[in-house]
Protein backbone atom coordinates (compact mmCIF):
# COMPACT_ATOMS: atom_id res chain seq x y z
CA MET A 1 91.49 -42.78 -57.94
CA LEU A 2 94.88 -44.02 -56.67
CA TYR A 3 93.38 -44.97 -53.33
CA HIS A 4 90.80 -47.19 -55.04
CA LEU A 5 93.46 -48.66 -57.35
CA PHE A 6 95.77 -49.65 -54.49
CA LYS A 7 92.84 -50.90 -52.42
CA ALA A 8 91.77 -53.15 -55.29
CA ILE A 9 95.17 -54.88 -55.24
CA GLY A 10 95.19 -55.06 -51.45
CA PHE A 11 97.84 -52.34 -51.02
CA ALA A 12 100.38 -54.93 -52.16
CA LEU A 13 102.83 -52.48 -53.72
CA PRO A 14 105.59 -51.20 -51.39
CA GLY A 15 104.58 -47.84 -49.93
CA SER A 16 101.00 -48.07 -51.14
CA GLY A 17 99.81 -48.57 -47.57
CA ALA A 18 100.44 -44.87 -46.98
CA PHE A 19 97.33 -44.17 -49.04
CA ASN A 20 95.28 -45.45 -46.10
CA TYR A 21 96.16 -42.26 -44.22
CA ILE A 22 94.30 -39.03 -44.88
CA SER A 23 97.30 -36.97 -43.75
CA PHE A 24 99.52 -38.54 -46.43
CA ARG A 25 96.97 -38.09 -49.20
CA ALA A 26 96.28 -34.51 -48.13
CA GLY A 27 100.01 -33.76 -48.20
CA MET A 28 100.35 -35.29 -51.66
CA ALA A 29 97.35 -33.26 -52.83
CA VAL A 30 99.10 -30.06 -51.71
CA PHE A 31 102.31 -31.06 -53.49
CA VAL A 32 100.70 -32.08 -56.78
CA SER A 33 98.48 -29.00 -56.71
CA LEU A 34 101.55 -26.77 -56.32
CA VAL A 35 103.27 -28.56 -59.21
CA ILE A 36 100.25 -28.09 -61.47
CA SER A 37 99.72 -24.43 -60.62
CA LEU A 38 103.43 -23.52 -60.79
CA TRP A 39 104.60 -25.70 -63.69
CA PHE A 40 101.56 -25.81 -65.94
CA GLY A 41 100.34 -22.39 -64.83
CA LYS A 42 103.09 -20.72 -66.82
CA GLY A 43 101.99 -22.56 -69.97
CA ILE A 44 98.36 -21.56 -69.42
CA ILE A 45 99.40 -17.92 -69.02
CA ARG A 46 101.35 -18.07 -72.29
CA LEU A 47 98.31 -19.60 -74.00
CA LEU A 48 96.04 -16.86 -72.66
CA ARG A 49 98.44 -14.21 -73.97
CA ARG A 50 98.56 -15.79 -77.42
CA MET A 51 94.76 -15.85 -77.45
CA GLN A 52 94.81 -12.19 -76.36
CA VAL A 53 92.66 -12.97 -73.35
CA GLY A 54 93.49 -9.68 -71.66
CA GLU A 55 91.72 -7.66 -68.99
CA THR A 56 89.96 -4.49 -70.11
CA VAL A 57 90.46 -1.94 -67.33
CA ARG A 58 87.98 0.86 -66.70
CA ASP A 59 89.77 4.05 -65.62
CA LEU A 60 88.75 4.75 -62.01
CA GLY A 61 91.58 7.15 -61.31
CA LEU A 62 93.51 4.68 -59.15
CA GLU A 63 97.29 4.67 -59.02
CA GLY A 64 98.87 2.04 -61.30
CA GLN A 65 95.48 0.88 -62.52
CA MET A 66 95.97 1.43 -66.24
CA GLY A 67 99.25 -0.49 -66.12
CA LYS A 68 97.17 -3.65 -65.69
CA GLN A 69 95.52 -3.17 -69.08
CA GLY A 70 95.92 -6.32 -71.17
CA THR A 71 97.01 -8.58 -68.29
CA PRO A 72 95.70 -12.11 -69.03
CA THR A 73 92.49 -13.01 -67.22
CA MET A 74 90.60 -16.30 -66.82
CA GLY A 75 93.52 -17.52 -64.71
CA GLY A 76 90.94 -19.26 -62.56
CA LEU A 77 91.44 -22.17 -64.94
CA ILE A 78 94.81 -22.71 -63.24
CA ILE A 79 93.16 -22.82 -59.82
CA LEU A 80 90.36 -25.15 -60.91
CA SER A 81 92.69 -27.61 -62.63
CA ALA A 82 95.03 -27.59 -59.62
CA ILE A 83 92.06 -28.45 -57.38
CA LEU A 84 90.33 -31.06 -59.51
CA VAL A 85 93.30 -33.17 -60.66
CA PRO A 86 94.85 -33.85 -57.20
CA THR A 87 91.41 -34.44 -55.69
CA LEU A 88 90.59 -37.02 -58.36
CA LEU A 89 93.97 -38.66 -57.82
CA PHE A 90 94.16 -38.83 -54.03
CA ALA A 91 90.65 -38.53 -52.56
CA ARG A 92 88.18 -41.34 -52.00
CA LEU A 93 85.72 -40.87 -54.82
CA ASP A 94 83.01 -42.86 -53.02
CA ASN A 95 82.87 -40.21 -50.29
CA ILE A 96 79.74 -38.04 -50.51
CA TYR A 97 81.59 -34.98 -49.19
CA ILE A 98 84.20 -35.20 -51.95
CA LEU A 99 81.57 -35.74 -54.64
CA LEU A 100 79.66 -32.71 -53.42
CA MET A 101 82.78 -30.51 -53.44
CA LEU A 102 83.71 -31.63 -56.95
CA SER A 103 80.18 -30.75 -58.11
CA VAL A 104 80.34 -27.28 -56.55
CA THR A 105 83.78 -26.62 -58.05
CA VAL A 106 82.73 -27.55 -61.58
CA TRP A 107 79.30 -25.87 -61.36
CA LEU A 108 80.53 -22.47 -60.17
CA GLY A 109 83.66 -22.71 -62.32
CA VAL A 110 81.49 -23.10 -65.42
CA ILE A 111 79.35 -20.09 -64.44
CA GLY A 112 82.47 -17.96 -63.93
CA PHE A 113 84.00 -19.21 -67.18
CA ILE A 114 80.89 -18.27 -69.17
CA ASP A 115 80.97 -14.81 -67.59
CA ASP A 116 84.65 -14.30 -68.49
CA PHE A 117 84.12 -15.73 -71.99
CA ILE A 118 81.39 -13.18 -72.73
CA LYS A 119 83.55 -10.34 -71.40
CA VAL A 120 86.70 -11.32 -73.29
CA PHE A 121 85.58 -12.92 -76.54
CA LYS A 122 82.19 -11.25 -77.00
CA LYS A 123 83.65 -7.89 -75.91
CA ASP A 124 80.72 -7.32 -73.56
CA LYS A 125 82.08 -5.82 -70.33
CA ARG A 126 78.84 -6.65 -68.52
CA GLY A 127 79.52 -10.37 -68.92
CA LEU A 128 76.88 -12.90 -67.95
CA ALA A 129 73.68 -11.20 -66.82
CA GLY A 130 73.45 -10.99 -63.04
CA LYS A 131 70.15 -12.86 -62.93
CA PHE A 132 71.74 -15.90 -64.60
CA LYS A 133 74.61 -15.88 -62.09
CA VAL A 134 72.13 -15.77 -59.23
CA VAL A 135 70.06 -18.58 -60.77
CA GLY A 136 73.23 -20.68 -61.01
CA GLN A 137 74.16 -19.95 -57.39
CA ILE A 138 70.64 -20.76 -56.24
CA GLY A 139 70.76 -24.01 -58.21
CA ILE A 140 73.94 -25.25 -56.55
CA GLY A 141 72.62 -24.01 -53.20
CA ILE A 142 69.52 -26.18 -53.59
CA ILE A 143 71.67 -29.19 -54.49
CA VAL A 144 74.05 -28.72 -51.55
CA GLY A 145 71.24 -28.05 -49.06
CA ALA A 146 69.14 -31.00 -50.23
CA VAL A 147 72.07 -33.44 -50.21
CA VAL A 148 73.28 -32.39 -46.76
CA TYR A 149 69.77 -32.56 -45.31
CA PHE A 150 68.51 -35.76 -46.95
CA HIS A 151 71.52 -37.93 -47.87
CA PRO A 152 71.76 -40.88 -45.45
CA SER A 153 75.58 -40.83 -45.35
CA ILE A 154 75.77 -37.27 -44.03
CA ARG A 155 75.23 -37.68 -40.31
CA THR A 156 76.71 -36.58 -37.01
CA LYS A 157 77.41 -38.49 -33.83
CA VAL A 158 77.06 -37.31 -30.25
CA GLU A 159 78.30 -38.95 -27.05
CA VAL A 160 75.67 -40.21 -24.62
CA PRO A 161 76.10 -41.35 -20.98
CA PRO A 162 76.34 -45.13 -20.36
CA VAL A 163 73.01 -45.14 -18.48
CA LEU A 164 71.20 -43.61 -21.46
CA ALA A 165 73.10 -45.84 -23.90
CA GLU A 166 71.58 -48.92 -22.27
CA GLN A 167 68.08 -47.65 -23.03
CA LEU A 168 68.71 -46.83 -26.69
CA ASP A 169 68.57 -49.01 -29.79
CA PRO A 170 72.00 -50.66 -30.19
CA ALA A 171 71.76 -50.22 -33.97
CA ALA A 172 71.86 -46.44 -33.48
CA LEU A 173 74.94 -46.60 -31.24
CA SER A 174 78.63 -47.09 -31.90
CA THR A 175 81.30 -47.64 -29.29
CA PHE A 176 84.75 -46.12 -29.12
CA VAL A 177 87.35 -47.40 -26.62
CA GLU A 178 90.39 -45.29 -25.72
CA GLU A 179 93.83 -46.76 -25.01
CA ASP A 180 93.25 -46.39 -21.26
CA GLY A 181 90.07 -48.46 -21.52
CA THR A 182 87.59 -45.58 -21.34
CA VAL A 183 84.45 -46.44 -23.29
CA HIS A 184 82.50 -43.81 -25.23
CA HIS A 185 79.00 -44.44 -26.57
CA LEU A 186 78.15 -42.43 -29.69
CA LEU A 187 74.59 -41.90 -30.85
CA ASP A 188 74.09 -41.75 -34.60
CA ARG A 189 71.76 -38.90 -35.56
CA LYS A 190 70.37 -37.31 -38.70
CA SER A 191 69.44 -33.75 -37.79
CA PRO A 192 70.09 -30.23 -39.14
CA ASN A 193 72.49 -29.31 -36.34
CA THR A 194 75.30 -26.81 -36.68
CA THR A 195 77.94 -25.27 -34.44
CA ILE A 196 77.13 -21.92 -32.90
CA PRO A 197 80.18 -20.03 -31.57
CA PHE A 198 80.58 -18.43 -28.14
CA VAL A 199 77.57 -20.28 -26.69
CA LYS A 200 77.62 -23.01 -24.04
CA GLY A 201 76.48 -26.26 -25.58
CA ASN A 202 77.67 -24.75 -28.91
CA GLU A 203 75.03 -26.51 -31.03
CA PHE A 204 72.04 -25.08 -32.83
CA ASN A 205 69.23 -27.03 -34.49
CA TYR A 206 67.44 -25.27 -37.33
CA SER A 207 64.21 -27.02 -36.44
CA SER A 208 64.11 -25.08 -33.17
CA VAL A 209 63.36 -21.91 -35.16
CA LEU A 210 60.25 -23.41 -36.74
CA GLY A 211 59.35 -24.98 -33.40
CA LEU A 212 58.21 -21.51 -32.34
CA PHE A 213 55.30 -21.91 -34.76
CA GLY A 214 54.23 -25.30 -33.44
CA ARG A 215 55.32 -28.92 -33.77
CA GLU A 216 53.83 -29.33 -37.24
CA ALA A 217 56.01 -26.52 -38.58
CA ARG A 218 59.13 -28.60 -37.86
CA ARG A 219 58.26 -30.76 -40.87
CA TYR A 220 59.37 -27.90 -43.09
CA THR A 221 62.82 -27.52 -41.53
CA TRP A 222 64.32 -28.72 -44.80
CA VAL A 223 62.91 -25.65 -46.57
CA LEU A 224 64.47 -23.30 -44.02
CA TYR A 225 67.79 -25.15 -44.18
CA ILE A 226 68.00 -25.03 -47.98
CA LEU A 227 67.15 -21.30 -47.97
CA VAL A 228 69.97 -20.67 -45.48
CA VAL A 229 72.41 -22.68 -47.62
CA ILE A 230 71.41 -20.74 -50.75
CA PHE A 231 71.95 -17.43 -48.96
CA ILE A 232 75.35 -18.46 -47.60
CA ILE A 233 76.72 -19.77 -50.91
CA THR A 234 75.45 -16.75 -52.85
CA ALA A 235 76.75 -14.23 -50.31
CA VAL A 236 80.24 -15.73 -49.90
CA SER A 237 80.62 -16.38 -53.64
CA ASN A 238 79.78 -12.76 -54.45
CA GLY A 239 81.97 -11.58 -51.57
CA ALA A 240 85.00 -13.34 -53.06
CA ASN A 241 84.14 -11.87 -56.46
CA ILE A 242 84.04 -8.33 -55.05
CA THR A 243 87.26 -8.87 -53.08
CA ASP A 244 89.13 -9.84 -56.26
CA GLY A 245 90.13 -6.28 -57.06
CA LEU A 246 93.81 -6.12 -56.08
CA ASP A 247 96.72 -8.38 -57.00
CA GLY A 248 96.76 -11.37 -54.67
CA LEU A 249 93.98 -10.14 -52.39
CA ALA A 250 91.27 -12.74 -53.06
CA THR A 251 93.83 -15.52 -53.57
CA GLY A 252 95.69 -14.91 -50.31
CA THR A 253 92.63 -14.40 -48.14
CA SER A 254 91.00 -17.51 -49.64
CA ALA A 255 94.09 -19.59 -48.82
CA ILE A 256 93.94 -18.42 -45.19
CA MET A 257 90.24 -19.28 -44.89
CA VAL A 258 90.74 -22.68 -46.51
CA LEU A 259 93.61 -23.53 -44.16
CA ALA A 260 91.39 -22.75 -41.15
CA LEU A 261 88.58 -24.86 -42.61
CA GLY A 262 91.10 -27.66 -43.16
CA VAL A 263 91.87 -27.70 -39.43
CA LEU A 264 88.15 -27.69 -38.59
CA ALA A 265 87.39 -30.46 -41.09
CA TYR A 266 90.23 -32.68 -39.85
CA VAL A 267 89.33 -32.45 -36.16
CA SER A 268 85.60 -32.81 -36.86
CA GLY A 269 86.23 -35.98 -38.86
CA ASN A 270 88.58 -37.50 -36.27
CA ILE A 271 86.82 -39.19 -33.37
CA ILE A 272 89.75 -38.70 -30.98
CA PHE A 273 90.16 -34.98 -31.62
CA SER A 274 86.43 -34.32 -31.66
CA GLU A 275 86.01 -36.08 -28.31
CA TYR A 276 88.95 -34.21 -26.80
CA LEU A 277 87.71 -30.81 -28.02
CA ASP A 278 84.09 -31.72 -27.24
CA ILE A 279 82.91 -30.73 -30.71
CA MET A 280 80.52 -32.34 -33.17
CA TYR A 281 81.90 -35.57 -34.64
CA ILE A 282 81.10 -35.85 -38.35
CA PRO A 283 81.99 -39.30 -39.72
CA ASP A 284 83.84 -39.37 -43.07
CA SER A 285 84.21 -35.57 -43.20
CA GLY A 286 87.95 -35.90 -42.55
CA GLU A 287 88.30 -36.85 -46.23
CA LEU A 288 87.67 -33.18 -47.00
CA ALA A 289 91.24 -32.56 -45.84
CA VAL A 290 92.43 -34.02 -49.16
CA TYR A 291 90.26 -31.61 -51.16
CA ILE A 292 91.27 -28.72 -48.93
CA GLY A 293 94.93 -29.63 -49.40
CA ALA A 294 94.48 -29.43 -53.16
CA MET A 295 92.73 -26.07 -52.89
CA LEU A 296 95.39 -24.68 -50.55
CA GLY A 297 98.14 -25.70 -52.96
CA ALA A 298 96.17 -24.21 -55.87
CA CYS A 299 95.80 -20.84 -54.13
CA ILE A 300 99.45 -20.67 -53.05
CA GLY A 301 100.68 -21.76 -56.48
CA PHE A 302 98.44 -19.25 -58.25
CA LEU A 303 99.69 -16.53 -55.90
CA TRP A 304 103.14 -17.02 -57.50
CA TYR A 305 101.76 -15.39 -60.64
CA ASN A 306 98.97 -13.31 -59.10
CA ALA A 307 101.03 -11.44 -56.47
CA TYR A 308 101.87 -7.80 -57.23
CA PRO A 309 102.54 -7.04 -60.03
CA ALA A 310 100.16 -9.72 -61.31
CA GLN A 311 101.03 -11.72 -64.41
CA VAL A 312 97.50 -13.11 -64.56
CA PHE A 313 94.08 -12.42 -63.02
CA MET A 314 91.78 -15.21 -61.86
CA GLY A 315 88.65 -13.57 -63.29
CA ASP A 316 85.18 -14.74 -62.35
CA THR A 317 86.27 -18.25 -63.35
CA GLY A 318 88.23 -18.38 -60.12
CA SER A 319 86.60 -15.89 -57.76
CA LEU A 320 83.02 -17.19 -57.99
CA ALA A 321 84.23 -20.75 -57.49
CA LEU A 322 86.52 -19.90 -54.55
CA GLY A 323 83.75 -18.17 -52.63
CA GLY A 324 81.25 -20.96 -53.26
CA ILE A 325 83.81 -23.60 -52.28
CA ILE A 326 84.61 -21.87 -48.98
CA ALA A 327 80.90 -21.51 -48.17
CA THR A 328 80.18 -25.17 -48.98
CA LEU A 329 83.13 -26.40 -46.90
CA ALA A 330 81.87 -24.42 -43.91
CA ILE A 331 78.39 -25.90 -44.37
CA LEU A 332 79.68 -29.48 -44.62
CA VAL A 333 81.72 -29.23 -41.41
CA ARG A 334 78.74 -27.57 -39.68
CA LYS A 335 80.56 -24.27 -39.13
CA GLU A 336 78.46 -22.02 -41.38
CA LEU A 337 77.57 -19.71 -38.48
CA LEU A 338 81.30 -18.97 -38.15
CA ILE A 339 81.37 -17.48 -41.65
CA PRO A 340 80.90 -13.85 -40.49
CA VAL A 341 84.12 -14.29 -38.50
CA LEU A 342 86.14 -16.58 -40.78
CA CYS A 343 85.12 -14.77 -43.97
CA GLY A 344 85.20 -11.35 -42.32
CA VAL A 345 87.23 -9.85 -45.17
CA PHE A 346 84.61 -10.92 -47.74
CA LEU A 347 81.84 -9.69 -45.44
CA VAL A 348 83.34 -6.23 -44.97
CA GLU A 349 84.01 -5.87 -48.70
CA ASN A 350 80.39 -6.82 -49.42
CA LEU A 351 79.00 -4.47 -46.78
CA SER A 352 81.13 -1.57 -48.01
CA VAL A 353 79.46 -1.81 -51.43
CA VAL A 354 75.96 -2.18 -49.97
CA MET A 355 76.48 0.76 -47.59
CA GLN A 356 77.98 2.97 -50.29
CA VAL A 357 75.22 2.34 -52.82
CA SER A 358 72.40 2.59 -50.25
CA TRP A 359 73.70 5.84 -48.74
CA PHE A 360 74.30 7.36 -52.16
CA LYS A 361 70.72 6.62 -53.28
CA TYR A 362 69.23 7.82 -49.99
CA THR A 363 71.11 11.14 -49.97
CA ARG A 364 70.34 11.74 -53.63
CA ARG A 365 66.62 11.43 -52.91
CA LYS A 366 66.83 13.58 -49.76
CA TYR A 367 69.33 16.28 -50.75
CA GLY A 368 69.27 16.14 -54.54
CA GLU A 369 72.85 14.91 -54.77
CA GLY A 370 74.41 11.60 -53.84
CA ARG A 371 76.92 11.46 -50.98
CA ARG A 372 79.45 8.75 -50.18
CA ILE A 373 80.61 7.02 -47.01
CA PHE A 374 83.87 5.81 -48.54
CA LEU A 375 86.11 7.47 -51.08
CA MET A 376 85.36 4.46 -53.28
CA SER A 377 83.94 0.99 -52.80
CA PRO A 378 84.75 -1.86 -52.36
CA LEU A 379 86.78 -1.06 -49.25
CA HIS A 380 90.19 -1.87 -50.75
CA HIS A 381 89.70 0.90 -53.33
CA HIS A 382 88.95 3.33 -50.48
CA PHE A 383 92.44 2.73 -49.11
CA GLN A 384 93.92 3.08 -52.58
CA LYS A 385 92.27 6.49 -52.87
CA LYS A 386 93.94 7.44 -49.58
CA GLY A 387 97.32 6.87 -51.24
CA ILE A 388 98.23 3.53 -49.63
CA HIS A 389 100.16 1.26 -52.00
CA GLU A 390 98.35 -1.77 -53.37
CA SER A 391 100.79 -4.33 -51.98
CA LYS A 392 100.56 -2.82 -48.47
CA ILE A 393 96.74 -2.94 -48.56
CA VAL A 394 96.84 -6.61 -49.59
CA SER A 395 99.37 -7.49 -46.86
CA ARG A 396 97.23 -5.82 -44.20
CA PHE A 397 94.09 -7.59 -45.39
CA TRP A 398 96.01 -10.88 -45.16
CA ILE A 399 97.01 -10.08 -41.58
CA VAL A 400 93.39 -9.35 -40.68
CA GLY A 401 92.39 -12.61 -42.41
CA ILE A 402 94.92 -14.56 -40.31
CA MET A 403 93.60 -12.98 -37.10
CA LEU A 404 90.02 -13.91 -38.03
CA ALA A 405 91.06 -17.48 -38.97
CA VAL A 406 92.81 -17.95 -35.62
CA LEU A 407 89.75 -16.56 -33.81
CA SER A 408 87.52 -18.99 -35.72
CA ILE A 409 89.63 -21.97 -34.62
CA VAL A 410 89.83 -20.71 -31.03
CA THR A 411 86.02 -20.70 -30.86
CA LEU A 412 86.25 -24.49 -30.64
CA LYS A 413 86.99 -23.99 -26.93
CA LEU A 414 85.23 -20.66 -26.32
CA ARG A 415 81.74 -21.30 -25.03
């Protein structure tokens, strides 16, 4: 909003020229997001307490668990407001990537809010029926997949040799000249390419999968791509929801993942860095750094109140949105195949539940009684059952998250 305002007056006001730089606007987004989450967050927590929006805790026999009874939930409202306001203020609102992220944030935030509303005010612990959550996640997955695949502004560029550049249509080429006079020819392309880690050439085209069934099958690449996007958004969103079981766990790990995605988005949207690192150049995606800055500030600011012992829980209002946001960011910067590494904490938490439930059902059918792999799932509760303090479990999960984030960034040069 401010960028468009200052642009309309020709950046005539002193200092307004700084709004031309993504790094400045991203920094301001972090700062304003922190102010909103820290300053206004306290007021929102007081309001939630007055409204008696407290968490109902089911006794699972975990140490310190019942002490959380009545802690305000729906704190995800703090996170969402701290993301949306700075993004609207500092991002370019004509950028398709920003518009898509705002849509995902609001869409999944509303689904989570409805779920929390039913739990708290309707006194129904089951919340929103699972099928409606899945329908909502599928809906936003279809929107994200269709926009990324079909929208003309979402494209990538790849460098081509000068000899080949002479044979191509000049309208499809753009030229970039370095300070030393080196000329780079970039071919504009609209294809469902993504980055595949640890592989030479490090690019994968979804159409190559359908190419195994003949050339005609490639026409339906868009169907395959949208299905993949739906799966990713649903899986990561639910993974964040499952991880939100200890004070500060989902918030801290999400902040780490978002910071790594911020680095990937910035270098992918910068022609100089993308050429130097020999990675896919995605025009206009650098603007995502502003949104990511707002989200990073929101997570850190919310952690002020959500760290052990938590003064507020994010609830599904925050956790469903955080997971969906992280998944969508990875898709937009063409790093969705890195999700098993970057979002390893979410993945392991998800798998621990799937493994526990599957093994329990299998052994009950085979032996007449259900057996367990873990003392309790998700995985963080397993460690609680082993007597490890909650804050230590969270700290160790953060450390693992940092290691996975660093590994994800390092894959830019591992091939």
